Amino acid sequence: MEIICNRERQTCLDAYASLLYHDTGEDLAAQAFDYEVTTWNDQRLVAIDRTAWASAWTAF
């Protein structure tokens, strides 16, 4: 998983991928989530996903 934030745009992107192995080959499962930054200062960063599950993460 990797989280990339852009302070000017006030957005963050969270990406996750996994490789699934099975008898007939391999499949790549990937997801990306776009977050809106609501707080970004020297103490913390708060970003909220307003589109899907209303999830949020905070970095200290």
Protein backbone atom coordinates (compact mmCIF):
# COMPACT_ATOMS: atom_id res chain seq x y z
CA MET A 1 0.00 0.00 0.00
CA GLU A 2 1.21 3.48 -0.79
CA ILE A 3 -0.36 6.83 0.10
CA ILE A 4 0.56 9.92 -1.91
CA CYS A 5 -0.71 13.38 -0.91
CA ASN A 6 -0.64 16.67 -2.79
CA ARG A 7 -0.83 19.73 -0.56
CA GLU A 8 -1.71 22.17 -3.36
CA ARG A 9 -4.65 20.05 -4.57
CA GLN A 10 -5.64 19.02 -1.02
CA THR A 11 -5.95 15.38 -2.12
CA CYS A 12 -4.45 12.00 -1.29
CA LEU A 13 -4.35 8.78 -3.28
CA ASP A 14 -4.15 5.36 -1.64
CA ALA A 15 -3.31 2.38 -3.85
CA TYR A 16 -3.27 -1.33 -3.07
CA ALA A 17 -2.52 -4.30 -5.30
CA SER A 18 -2.08 -8.04 -4.87
CA LEU A 19 -1.09 -10.86 -7.18
CA LEU A 20 -3.35 -13.93 -7.01
CA TYR A 21 -1.83 -17.25 -8.06
CA HIS A 22 -3.96 -20.19 -9.24
CA ASP A 23 -3.62 -23.32 -11.41
CA THR A 24 -4.32 -21.59 -14.73
CA GLY A 25 -2.25 -18.45 -14.22
CA GLU A 26 -2.11 -15.24 -12.24
CA ASP A 27 -4.48 -12.35 -11.68
CA LEU A 28 -3.73 -8.86 -10.46
CA ALA A 29 -6.28 -7.33 -8.10
CA ALA A 30 -5.87 -3.58 -7.61
CA GLN A 31 -7.79 -0.78 -5.94
CA ALA A 32 -7.20 2.96 -5.72
CA PHE A 33 -8.94 5.40 -3.39
CA ASP A 34 -9.10 9.17 -3.70
CA TYR A 35 -9.27 11.24 -0.49
CA GLU A 36 -10.04 14.90 0.16
CA VAL A 37 -7.74 16.55 2.70
CA THR A 38 -9.68 18.33 5.44
CA THR A 39 -6.75 19.20 7.74
CA TRP A 40 -3.05 19.54 6.94
CA ASN A 41 -0.77 21.27 9.41
CA ASP A 42 2.46 20.61 11.31
CA GLN A 43 0.63 18.37 13.78
CA ARG A 44 -1.48 16.14 11.56
CA LEU A 45 -3.01 15.36 8.20
CA VAL A 46 -6.66 14.24 7.92
CA ALA A 47 -8.10 12.96 4.63
CA ILE A 48 -11.64 11.68 4.02
CA ASP A 49 -13.00 9.46 1.26
CA ARG A 50 -16.29 11.19 0.43
CA THR A 51 -17.27 8.82 -2.39
CA ALA A 52 -17.24 5.21 -1.19
CA TRP A 53 -17.33 4.06 2.42
CA ALA A 54 -16.82 7.44 4.09
CA SER A 55 -13.57 6.13 5.50
CA ALA A 56 -10.84 8.39 6.78
CA TRP A 57 -7.25 8.16 7.90
CA THR A 58 -5.12 10.43 9.99
CA ALA A 59 -1.34 10.72 9.95
CA PHE A 60 0.50 12.18 12.92
